Amino acid sequence: MESLSSSLVPSYWDYLVLYFLRPILAVAFAVSLLLLGWFLAWKLVLVHVPLVREVCGLNKKPKRVKPPTRRLSRIYKSMDSRNSAFGWNESIVPEERKEAT
């Protein structure tokens, strides 16, 4: 009987694990989950928000310079030059405007 009662008494190692090691591991696990969540949110979303970038002290994103002539503007310019060669632009303007100028 004595061996049964002595095995039910927790040892110093059991107290150490119960009161110190388990809470430390639980806090470390929770902090690691928070850090992982923050890292994923930063990489996927927050890096693109200007307010968060300003608070963190990051540089503003450089604005891309648009090319002076894009594909559609080239097409419309070529259409305008063809239309003016045939005199079609004048027919689009109403008669009242022609007299005003």
PDB file of N, CA and C in Angstrom:
ATOM      1  N   MET A   1       0.798  -1.197   0.000  1.00  0.00           N
ATOM      2  CA  MET A   1       0.000   0.000   0.000  1.00  0.00           C
ATOM      3  C   MET A   1       0.841   1.263   0.000  1.00  0.00           C
ATOM      4  N   GLU A   2       1.967   1.190   0.682  1.00  0.00           N
ATOM      5  CA  GLU A   2       2.791   2.378   0.761  1.00  0.00           C
ATOM      6  C   GLU A   2       3.338   2.783  -0.593  1.00  0.00           C
ATOM      7  N   SER A   3       3.656   1.847  -1.415  1.00  0.00           N
ATOM      8  CA  SER A   3       4.182   2.178  -2.734  1.00  0.00           C
ATOM      9  C   SER A   3       3.120   2.868  -3.580  1.00  0.00           C
ATOM     10  N   LEU A   4       1.871   2.499  -3.389  1.00  0.00           N
ATOM     11  CA  LEU A   4       0.774   3.126  -4.130  1.00  0.00           C
ATOM     12  C   LEU A   4       0.577   4.571  -3.690  1.00  0.00           C
ATOM     13  N   SER A   5       0.641   4.824  -2.396  1.00  0.00           N
ATOM     14  CA  SER A   5       0.436   6.188  -1.894  1.00  0.00           C
ATOM     15  C   SER A   5       1.631   7.084  -2.202  1.00  0.00           C
ATOM     16  N   SER A   6       2.808   6.522  -2.220  1.00  0.00           N
ATOM     17  CA  SER A   6       3.988   7.338  -2.526  1.00  0.00           C
ATOM     18  C   SER A   6       4.051   7.700  -4.012  1.00  0.00           C
ATOM     19  N   SER A   7       3.465   6.910  -4.887  1.00  0.00           N
ATOM     20  CA  SER A   7       3.483   7.227  -6.321  1.00  0.00           C
ATOM     21  C   SER A   7       2.462   8.311  -6.667  1.00  0.00           C
ATOM     22  N   LEU A   8       1.469   8.511  -5.805  1.00  0.00           N
ATOM     23  CA  LEU A   8       0.466   9.545  -6.056  1.00  0.00           C
ATOM     24  C   LEU A   8       0.932  10.928  -5.621  1.00  0.00           C
ATOM     25  N   VAL A   9       1.949  10.994  -4.834  1.00  0.00           N
ATOM     26  CA  VAL A   9       2.484  12.273  -4.369  1.00  0.00           C
ATOM     27  C   VAL A   9       3.354  12.856  -5.486  1.00  0.00           C
ATOM     28  N   PRO A  10       3.047  14.082  -5.928  1.00  0.00           N
ATOM     29  CA  PRO A  10       3.854  14.655  -7.017  1.00  0.00           C
ATOM     30  C   PRO A  10       5.261  15.026  -6.562  1.00  0.00           C
ATOM     31  N   SER A  11       6.176  14.872  -7.471  1.00  0.00           N
ATOM     32  CA  SER A  11       7.571  15.185  -7.164  1.00  0.00           C
ATOM     33  C   SER A  11       7.844  16.663  -7.439  1.00  0.00           C
ATOM     34  N   TYR A  12       9.075  17.079  -7.157  1.00  0.00           N
ATOM     35  CA  TYR A  12       9.447  18.469  -7.401  1.00  0.00           C
ATOM     36  C   TYR A  12       9.414  18.786  -8.900  1.00  0.00           C
ATOM     37  N   TRP A  13       9.782  17.821  -9.683  1.00  0.00           N
ATOM     38  CA  TRP A  13       9.763  18.010 -11.148  1.00  0.00           C
ATOM     39  C   TRP A  13       8.341  18.259 -11.647  1.00  0.00           C
ATOM     40  N   ASP A  14       7.367  17.550 -11.087  1.00  0.00           N
ATOM     41  CA  ASP A  14       5.968  17.752 -11.468  1.00  0.00           C
ATOM     42  C   ASP A  14       5.504  19.166 -11.127  1.00  0.00           C
ATOM     43  N   TYR A  15       5.901  19.650  -9.943  1.00  0.00           N
ATOM     44  CA  TYR A  15       5.548  21.023  -9.565  1.00  0.00           C
ATOM     45  C   TYR A  15       6.223  22.036 -10.492  1.00  0.00           C
ATOM     46  N   LEU A  16       7.468  21.779 -10.824  1.00  0.00           N
ATOM     47  CA  LEU A  16       8.201  22.680 -11.717  1.00  0.00           C
ATOM     48  C   LEU A  16       7.519  22.767 -13.078  1.00  0.00           C
ATOM     49  N   VAL A  17       7.141  21.630 -13.622  1.00  0.00           N
ATOM     50  CA  VAL A  17       6.467  21.600 -14.917  1.00  0.00           C
ATOM     51  C   VAL A  17       5.107  22.261 -14.823  1.00  0.00           C
ATOM     52  N   LEU A  18       4.373  21.972 -13.773  1.00  0.00           N
ATOM     53  CA  LEU A  18       3.012  22.485 -13.629  1.00  0.00           C
ATOM     54  C   LEU A  18       2.974  23.998 -13.438  1.00  0.00           C
ATOM     55  N   TYR A  19       3.860  24.547 -12.629  1.00  0.00           N
ATOM     56  CA  TYR A  19       3.765  25.958 -12.269  1.00  0.00           C
ATOM     57  C   TYR A  19       4.678  26.882 -13.073  1.00  0.00           C
ATOM     58  N   PHE A  20       5.708  26.358 -13.687  1.00  0.00           N
ATOM     59  CA  PHE A  20       6.636  27.235 -14.404  1.00  0.00           C
ATOM     60  C   PHE A  20       6.731  26.924 -15.893  1.00  0.00           C
ATOM     61  N   LEU A  21       6.980  25.677 -16.204  1.00  0.00           N
ATOM     62  CA  LEU A  21       7.245  25.330 -17.592  1.00  0.00           C
ATOM     63  C   LEU A  21       5.993  25.405 -18.463  1.00  0.00           C
ATOM     64  N   ARG A  22       4.876  24.899 -18.007  1.00  0.00           N
ATOM     65  CA  ARG A  22       3.638  24.944 -18.815  1.00  0.00           C
ATOM     66  C   ARG A  22       3.159  26.361 -19.083  1.00  0.00           C
ATOM     67  N   PRO A  23       3.131  27.283 -18.095  1.00  0.00           N
ATOM     68  CA  PRO A  23       2.722  28.658 -18.427  1.00  0.00           C
ATOM     69  C   PRO A  23       3.692  29.358 -19.374  1.00  0.00           C
ATOM     70  N   ILE A  24       4.974  29.116 -19.215  1.00  0.00           N
ATOM     71  CA  ILE A  24       5.954  29.727 -20.123  1.00  0.00           C
ATOM     72  C   ILE A  24       5.753  29.210 -21.539  1.00  0.00           C
ATOM     73  N   LEU A  25       5.551  27.921 -21.690  1.00  0.00           N
ATOM     74  CA  LEU A  25       5.305  27.360 -23.024  1.00  0.00           C
ATOM     75  C   LEU A  25       3.985  27.862 -23.617  1.00  0.00           C
ATOM     76  N   ALA A  26       2.963  28.023 -22.785  1.00  0.00           N
ATOM     77  CA  ALA A  26       1.681  28.522 -23.278  1.00  0.00           C
ATOM     78  C   ALA A  26       1.802  29.964 -23.768  1.00  0.00           C
ATOM     79  N   VAL A  27       2.505  30.793 -23.015  1.00  0.00           N
ATOM     80  CA  VAL A  27       2.712  32.187 -23.427  1.00  0.00           C
ATOM     81  C   VAL A  27       3.560  32.246 -24.694  1.00  0.00           C
ATOM     82  N   ALA A  28       4.589  31.433 -24.764  1.00  0.00           N
ATOM     83  CA  ALA A  28       5.434  31.411 -25.966  1.00  0.00           C
ATOM     84  C   ALA A  28       4.634  30.968 -27.196  1.00  0.00           C
ATOM     85  N   PHE A  29       3.760  30.009 -27.022  1.00  0.00           N
ATOM     86  CA  PHE A  29       2.928  29.548 -28.130  1.00  0.00           C
ATOM     87  C   PHE A  29       1.978  30.650 -28.585  1.00  0.00           C
ATOM     88  N   ALA A  30       1.341  31.346 -27.632  1.00  0.00           N
ATOM     89  CA  ALA A  30       0.407  32.424 -27.983  1.00  0.00           C
ATOM     90  C   ALA A  30       1.132  33.571 -28.682  1.00  0.00           C
ATOM     91  N   VAL A  31       2.303  33.934 -28.187  1.00  0.00           N
ATOM     92  CA  VAL A  31       3.081  35.016 -28.811  1.00  0.00           C
ATOM     93  C   VAL A  31       3.527  34.618 -30.207  1.00  0.00           C
ATOM     94  N   SER A  32       3.925  33.375 -30.390  1.00  0.00           N
ATOM     95  CA  SER A  32       4.347  32.935 -31.725  1.00  0.00           C
ATOM     96  C   SER A  32       3.179  32.961 -32.705  1.00  0.00           C
ATOM     97  N   LEU A  33       1.971  32.605 -32.255  1.00  0.00           N
ATOM     98  CA  LEU A  33       0.803  32.700 -33.135  1.00  0.00           C
ATOM     99  C   LEU A  33       0.493  34.154 -33.498  1.00  0.00           C
ATOM    100  N   LEU A  34       0.601  35.055 -32.533  1.00  0.00           N
ATOM    101  CA  LEU A  34       0.380  36.477 -32.815  1.00  0.00           C
ATOM    102  C   LEU A  34       1.412  37.018 -33.800  1.00  0.00           C
ATOM    103  N   LEU A  35       2.662  36.659 -33.616  1.00  0.00           N
ATOM    104  CA  LEU A  35       3.707  37.121 -34.532  1.00  0.00           C
ATOM    105  C   LEU A  35       3.521  36.557 -35.933  1.00  0.00           C
ATOM    106  N   LEU A  36       3.145  35.309 -36.043  1.00  0.00           N
ATOM    107  CA  LEU A  36       2.890  34.717 -37.348  1.00  0.00           C
ATOM    108  C   LEU A  36       1.716  35.410 -38.035  1.00  0.00           C
ATOM    109  N   GLY A  37       0.654  35.679 -37.282  1.00  0.00           N
ATOM    110  CA  GLY A  37      -0.497  36.383 -37.848  1.00  0.00           C
ATOM    111  C   GLY A  37      -0.137  37.784 -38.294  1.00  0.00           C
ATOM    112  N   TRP A  38       0.646  38.512 -37.498  1.00  0.00           N
ATOM    113  CA  TRP A  38       1.063  39.854 -37.865  1.00  0.00           C
ATOM    114  C   TRP A  38       1.938  39.828 -39.119  1.00  0.00           C
ATOM    115  N   PHE A  39       2.853  38.875 -39.186  1.00  0.00           N
ATOM    116  CA  PHE A  39       3.728  38.770 -40.355  1.00  0.00           C
ATOM    117  C   PHE A  39       2.925  38.523 -41.625  1.00  0.00           C
ATOM    118  N   LEU A  40       1.968  37.604 -41.561  1.00  0.00           N
ATOM    119  CA  LEU A  40       1.142  37.333 -42.743  1.00  0.00           C
ATOM    120  C   LEU A  40       0.289  38.541 -43.115  1.00  0.00           C
ATOM    121  N   ALA A  41      -0.288  39.211 -42.130  1.00  0.00           N
ATOM    122  CA  ALA A  41      -1.093  40.400 -42.413  1.00  0.00           C
ATOM    123  C   ALA A  41      -0.230  41.501 -43.003  1.00  0.00           C
ATOM    124  N   TRP A  42       0.988  41.654 -42.527  1.00  0.00           N
ATOM    125  CA  TRP A  42       1.888  42.682 -43.037  1.00  0.00           C
ATOM    126  C   TRP A  42       2.244  42.403 -44.492  1.00  0.00           C
ATOM    127  N   LYS A  43       2.626  41.181 -44.770  1.00  0.00           N
ATOM    128  CA  LYS A  43       3.055  40.839 -46.129  1.00  0.00           C
ATOM    129  C   LYS A  43       1.899  40.892 -47.125  1.00  0.00           C
ATOM    130  N   LEU A  44       0.703  40.521 -46.711  1.00  0.00           N
ATOM    131  CA  LEU A  44      -0.409  40.426 -47.648  1.00  0.00           C
ATOM    132  C   LEU A  44      -1.209  41.720 -47.770  1.00  0.00           C
ATOM    133  N   VAL A  45      -1.386  42.472 -46.682  1.00  0.00           N
ATOM    134  CA  VAL A  45      -2.312  43.609 -46.710  1.00  0.00           C
ATOM    135  C   VAL A  45      -1.675  44.910 -46.238  1.00  0.00           C
ATOM    136  N   LEU A  46      -1.105  44.897 -45.048  1.00  0.00           N
ATOM    137  CA  LEU A  46      -0.744  46.140 -44.376  1.00  0.00           C
ATOM    138  C   LEU A  46       0.369  46.912 -45.059  1.00  0.00           C
ATOM    139  N   VAL A  47       1.227  46.241 -45.792  1.00  0.00           N
ATOM    140  CA  VAL A  47       2.322  46.941 -46.466  1.00  0.00           C
ATOM    141  C   VAL A  47       1.801  47.869 -47.560  1.00  0.00           C
ATOM    142  N   HIS A  48       0.575  47.656 -48.009  1.00  0.00           N
ATOM    143  CA  HIS A  48      -0.005  48.478 -49.063  1.00  0.00           C
ATOM    144  C   HIS A  48      -0.820  49.648 -48.534  1.00  0.00           C
ATOM    145  N   VAL A  49      -1.055  49.726 -47.222  1.00  0.00           N
ATOM    146  CA  VAL A  49      -1.864  50.794 -46.635  1.00  0.00           C
ATOM    147  C   VAL A  49      -0.945  51.978 -46.324  1.00  0.00           C
ATOM    148  N   PRO A  50      -1.213  53.166 -46.907  1.00  0.00           N
ATOM    149  CA  PRO A  50      -0.309  54.307 -46.711  1.00  0.00           C
ATOM    150  C   PRO A  50      -0.177  54.749 -45.249  1.00  0.00           C
ATOM    151  N   LEU A  51      -1.257  54.705 -44.481  1.00  0.00           N
ATOM    152  CA  LEU A  51      -1.199  55.135 -43.087  1.00  0.00           C
ATOM    153  C   LEU A  51      -0.270  54.239 -42.277  1.00  0.00           C
ATOM    154  N   VAL A  52      -0.343  52.951 -42.482  1.00  0.00           N
ATOM    155  CA  VAL A  52       0.523  52.013 -41.752  1.00  0.00           C
ATOM    156  C   VAL A  52       1.974  52.215 -42.168  1.00  0.00           C
ATOM    157  N   ARG A  53       2.208  52.467 -43.452  1.00  0.00           N
ATOM    158  CA  ARG A  53       3.566  52.725 -43.930  1.00  0.00           C
ATOM    159  C   ARG A  53       4.128  53.986 -43.286  1.00  0.00           C
ATOM    160  N   GLU A  54       3.282  55.018 -43.135  1.00  0.00           N
ATOM    161  CA  GLU A  54       3.733  56.269 -42.529  1.00  0.00           C
ATOM    162  C   GLU A  54       4.040  56.080 -41.047  1.00  0.00           C
ATOM    163  N   VAL A  55       3.199  55.336 -40.338  1.00  0.00           N
ATOM    164  CA  VAL A  55       3.415  55.093 -38.908  1.00  0.00           C
ATOM    165  C   VAL A  55       4.700  54.297 -38.690  1.00  0.00           C
ATOM    166  N   CYS A  56       4.963  53.350 -39.560  1.00  0.00           N
ATOM    167  CA  CYS A  56       6.162  52.522 -39.422  1.00  0.00           C
ATOM    168  C   CYS A  56       7.422  53.221 -39.917  1.00  0.00           C
ATOM    169  N   GLY A  57       7.263  54.385 -40.547  1.00  0.00           N
ATOM    170  CA  GLY A  57       8.426  55.134 -41.014  1.00  0.00           C
ATOM    171  C   GLY A  57       9.013  54.616 -42.308  1.00  0.00           C
ATOM    172  N   LEU A  58       8.221  53.946 -43.104  1.00  0.00           N
ATOM    173  CA  LEU A  58       8.720  53.440 -44.384  1.00  0.00           C
ATOM    174  C   LEU A  58       8.599  54.519 -45.450  1.00  0.00           C
ATOM    175  N   ASN A  59       9.404  54.399 -46.479  1.00  0.00           N
ATOM    176  CA  ASN A  59       9.339  55.348 -47.584  1.00  0.00           C
ATOM    177  C   ASN A  59       8.047  55.177 -48.357  1.00  0.00           C
ATOM    178  N   LYS A  60       7.610  56.281 -48.947  1.00  0.00           N
ATOM    179  CA  LYS A  60       6.425  56.185 -49.789  1.00  0.00           C
ATOM    180  C   LYS A  60       6.785  55.449 -51.066  1.00  0.00           C
ATOM    181  N   LYS A  61       5.805  54.782 -51.625  1.00  0.00           N
ATOM    182  CA  LYS A  61       6.045  54.071 -52.868  1.00  0.00           C
ATOM    183  C   LYS A  61       6.262  55.082 -53.981  1.00  0.00           C
ATOM    184  N   PRO A  62       7.264  54.877 -54.813  1.00  0.00           N
ATOM    185  CA  PRO A  62       7.462  55.814 -55.927  1.00  0.00           C
ATOM    186  C   PRO A  62       6.342  55.651 -56.946  1.00  0.00           C
ATOM    187  N   LYS A  63       5.884  56.794 -57.445  1.00  0.00           N
ATOM    188  CA  LYS A  63       4.823  56.738 -58.440  1.00  0.00           C
ATOM    189  C   LYS A  63       5.426  56.397 -59.789  1.00  0.00           C
ATOM    190  N   ARG A  64       4.754  55.541 -60.500  1.00  0.00           N
ATOM    191  CA  ARG A  64       5.221  55.160 -61.828  1.00  0.00           C
ATOM    192  C   ARG A  64       4.881  56.265 -62.814  1.00  0.00           C
ATOM    193  N   VAL A  65       5.824  56.561 -63.657  1.00  0.00           N
ATOM    194  CA  VAL A  65       5.598  57.577 -64.673  1.00  0.00           C
ATOM    195  C   VAL A  65       4.920  56.907 -65.865  1.00  0.00           C
ATOM    196  N   LYS A  66       3.792  57.477 -66.262  1.00  0.00           N
ATOM    197  CA  LYS A  66       3.079  56.906 -67.398  1.00  0.00           C
ATOM    198  C   LYS A  66       3.779  57.323 -68.687  1.00  0.00           C
ATOM    199  N   PRO A  67       3.822  56.441 -69.646  1.00  0.00           N
ATOM    200  CA  PRO A  67       4.427  56.823 -70.921  1.00  0.00           C
ATOM    201  C   PRO A  67       3.593  57.914 -71.592  1.00  0.00           C
ATOM    202  N   PRO A  68       4.235  58.826 -72.326  1.00  0.00           N
ATOM    203  CA  PRO A  68       3.492  59.938 -72.923  1.00  0.00           C
ATOM    204  C   PRO A  68       2.460  59.487 -73.948  1.00  0.00           C
ATOM    205  N   THR A  69       2.764  58.482 -74.690  1.00  0.00           N
ATOM    206  CA  THR A  69       1.787  57.986 -75.663  1.00  0.00           C
ATOM    207  C   THR A  69       1.521  56.526 -75.383  1.00  0.00           C
ATOM    208  N   ARG A  70       0.282  56.247 -75.196  1.00  0.00           N
ATOM    209  CA  ARG A  70      -0.122  54.873 -74.969  1.00  0.00           C
ATOM    210  C   ARG A  70      -0.713  54.330 -76.254  1.00  0.00           C
ATOM    211  N   ARG A  71      -1.065  53.081 -76.223  1.00  0.00           N
ATOM    212  CA  ARG A  71      -1.532  52.423 -77.430  1.00  0.00           C
ATOM    213  C   ARG A  71      -2.812  53.071 -77.974  1.00  0.00           C
ATOM    214  N   LEU A  72      -3.796  53.314 -77.113  1.00  0.00           N
ATOM    215  CA  LEU A  72      -5.051  53.893 -77.586  1.00  0.00           C
ATOM    216  C   LEU A  72      -4.865  55.330 -78.055  1.00  0.00           C
ATOM    217  N   SER A  73      -4.001  56.086 -77.365  1.00  0.00           N
ATOM    218  CA  SER A  73      -3.791  57.462 -77.804  1.00  0.00           C
ATOM    219  C   SER A  73      -3.140  57.490 -79.184  1.00  0.00           C
ATOM    220  N   ARG A  74      -2.277  56.533 -79.468  1.00  0.00           N
ATOM    221  CA  ARG A  74      -1.679  56.462 -80.817  1.00  0.00           C
ATOM    222  C   ARG A  74      -2.756  56.174 -81.865  1.00  0.00           C
ATOM    223  N   ILE A  75      -3.680  55.277 -81.528  1.00  0.00           N
ATOM    224  CA  ILE A  75      -4.744  54.929 -82.479  1.00  0.00           C
ATOM    225  C   ILE A  75      -5.622  56.145 -82.743  1.00  0.00           C
ATOM    226  N   TYR A  76      -6.019  56.854 -81.676  1.00  0.00           N
ATOM    227  CA  TYR A  76      -6.886  58.018 -81.859  1.00  0.00           C
ATOM    228  C   TYR A  76      -6.171  59.145 -82.590  1.00  0.00           C
ATOM    229  N   LYS A  77      -4.879  59.321 -82.334  1.00  0.00           N
ATOM    230  CA  LYS A  77      -4.142  60.359 -83.060  1.00  0.00           C
ATOM    231  C   LYS A  77      -4.073  60.032 -84.542  1.00  0.00           C
ATOM    232  N   SER A  78      -3.865  58.762 -84.855  1.00  0.00           N
ATOM    233  CA  SER A  78      -3.819  58.393 -86.276  1.00  0.00           C
ATOM    234  C   SER A  78      -5.191  58.563 -86.917  1.00  0.00           C
ATOM    235  N   MET A  79      -6.262  58.292 -86.157  1.00  0.00           N
ATOM    236  CA  MET A  79      -7.607  58.499 -86.697  1.00  0.00           C
ATOM    237  C   MET A  79      -7.864  59.991 -86.917  1.00  0.00           C
ATOM    238  N   ASP A  80      -7.428  60.839 -85.994  1.00  0.00           N
ATOM    239  CA  ASP A  80      -7.601  62.275 -86.145  1.00  0.00           C
ATOM    240  C   ASP A  80      -6.840  62.799 -87.354  1.00  0.00           C
ATOM    241  N   SER A  81      -5.639  62.297 -87.544  1.00  0.00           N
ATOM    242  CA  SER A  81      -4.862  62.787 -88.686  1.00  0.00           C
ATOM    243  C   SER A  81      -5.502  62.342 -90.001  1.00  0.00           C
ATOM    244  N   ARG A  82      -6.072  61.142 -90.043  1.00  0.00           N
ATOM    245  CA  ARG A  82      -6.758  60.698 -91.263  1.00  0.00           C
ATOM    246  C   ARG A  82      -8.036  61.500 -91.491  1.00  0.00           C
ATOM    247  N   ASN A  83      -8.768  61.771 -90.406  1.00  0.00           N
ATOM    248  CA  ASN A  83     -10.008  62.528 -90.536  1.00  0.00           C
ATOM    249  C   ASN A  83      -9.745  63.955 -90.983  1.00  0.00           C
ATOM    250  N   SER A  84      -8.695  64.579 -90.469  1.00  0.00           N
ATOM    251  CA  SER A  84      -8.413  65.955 -90.857  1.00  0.00           C
ATOM    252  C   SER A  84      -7.930  66.011 -92.307  1.00  0.00           C
ATOM    253  N   ALA A  85      -7.310  64.950 -92.780  1.00  0.00           N
ATOM    254  CA  ALA A  85      -6.859  64.920 -94.172  1.00  0.00           C
ATOM    255  C   ALA A  85      -8.054  64.916 -95.126  1.00  0.00           C
ATOM    256  N   PHE A  86      -9.139  64.289 -94.719  1.00  0.00           N
ATOM    257  CA  PHE A  86     -10.331  64.234 -95.561  1.00  0.00           C
ATOM    258  C   PHE A  86     -11.313  65.365 -95.253  1.00  0.00           C
ATOM    259  N   GLY A  87     -11.059  66.145 -94.217  1.00  0.00           N
ATOM    260  CA  GLY A  87     -11.941  67.246 -93.870  1.00  0.00           C
ATOM    261  C   GLY A  87     -13.175  66.804 -93.120  1.00  0.00           C
ATOM    262  N   TRP A  88     -13.109  65.671 -92.463  1.00  0.00           N
ATOM    263  CA  TRP A  88     -14.275  65.163 -91.753  1.00  0.00           C
ATOM    264  C   TRP A  88     -14.500  65.873 -90.424  1.00  0.00           C
ATOM    265  N   ASN A  89     -13.477  66.435 -89.828  1.00  0.00           N
ATOM    266  CA  ASN A  89     -13.635  67.104 -88.536  1.00  0.00           C
ATOM    267  C   ASN A  89     -14.558  68.306 -88.647  1.00  0.00           C
ATOM    268  N   GLU A  90     -14.555  68.963 -89.780  1.00  0.00           N
ATOM    269  CA  GLU A  90     -15.388  70.145 -89.945  1.00  0.00           C
ATOM    270  C   GLU A  90     -16.863  69.777 -90.009  1.00  0.00           C
ATOM    271  N   SER A  91     -17.182  68.627 -90.539  1.00  0.00           N
ATOM    272  CA  SER A  91     -18.583  68.241 -90.640  1.00  0.00           C
ATOM    273  C   SER A  91     -19.177  67.864 -89.293  1.00  0.00           C
ATOM    274  N   ILE A  92     -18.336  67.527 -88.316  1.00  0.00           N
ATOM    275  CA  ILE A  92     -18.820  67.161 -86.994  1.00  0.00           C
ATOM    276  C   ILE A  92     -19.254  68.404 -86.223  1.00  0.00           C
ATOM    277  N   VAL A  93     -18.588  69.528 -86.424  1.00  0.00           N
ATOM    278  CA  VAL A  93     -18.880  70.762 -85.706  1.00  0.00           C
ATOM    279  C   VAL A  93     -20.184  71.351 -86.235  1.00  0.00           C
ATOM    280  N   PRO A  94     -21.126  71.732 -85.356  1.00  0.00           N
ATOM    281  CA  PRO A  94     -22.389  72.315 -85.825  1.00  0.00           C
ATOM    282  C   PRO A  94     -22.164  73.664 -86.521  1.00  0.00           C
ATOM    283  N   GLU A  95     -23.118  74.054 -87.329  1.00  0.00           N
ATOM    284  CA  GLU A  95     -23.022  75.291 -88.102  1.00  0.00           C
ATOM    285  C   GLU A  95     -22.923  76.522 -87.198  1.00  0.00           C
ATOM    286  N   GLU A  96     -23.587  76.511 -86.053  1.00  0.00           N
ATOM    287  CA  GLU A  96     -23.581  77.662 -85.160  1.00  0.00           C
ATOM    288  C   GLU A  96     -22.166  77.932 -84.655  1.00  0.00           C
ATOM    289  N   ARG A  97     -21.430  76.894 -84.364  1.00  0.00           N
ATOM    290  CA  ARG A  97     -20.065  77.071 -83.868  1.00  0.00           C
ATOM    291  C   ARG A  97     -19.153  77.600 -84.969  1.00  0.00           C
ATOM    292  N   LYS A  98     -19.376  77.222 -86.203  1.00  0.00           N
ATOM    293  CA  LYS A  98     -18.534  77.681 -87.293  1.00  0.00           C
ATOM    294  C   LYS A  98     -18.671  79.180 -87.447  1.00  0.00           C
ATOM    295  N   GLU A  99     -19.901  79.662 -87.313  1.00  0.00           N
ATOM    296  CA  GLU A  99     -20.147  81.085 -87.488  1.00  0.00           C
ATOM    297  C   GLU A  99     -19.590  81.875 -86.313  1.00  0.00           C
ATOM    298  N   ALA A 100     -19.583  81.307 -85.115  1.00  0.00           N
ATOM    299  CA  ALA A 100     -19.090  82.004 -83.930  1.00  0.00           C
ATOM    300  C   ALA A 100     -17.589  82.201 -83.998  1.00  0.00           C
ATOM    301  N   THR A 101     -16.870  81.312 -84.654  1.00  0.00           N
ATOM    302  CA  THR A 101     -15.414  81.436 -84.710  1.00  0.00           C
ATOM    303  C   THR A 101     -14.917  82.298 -85.797  1.00  0.00           C
TER     304      THR A 101
END
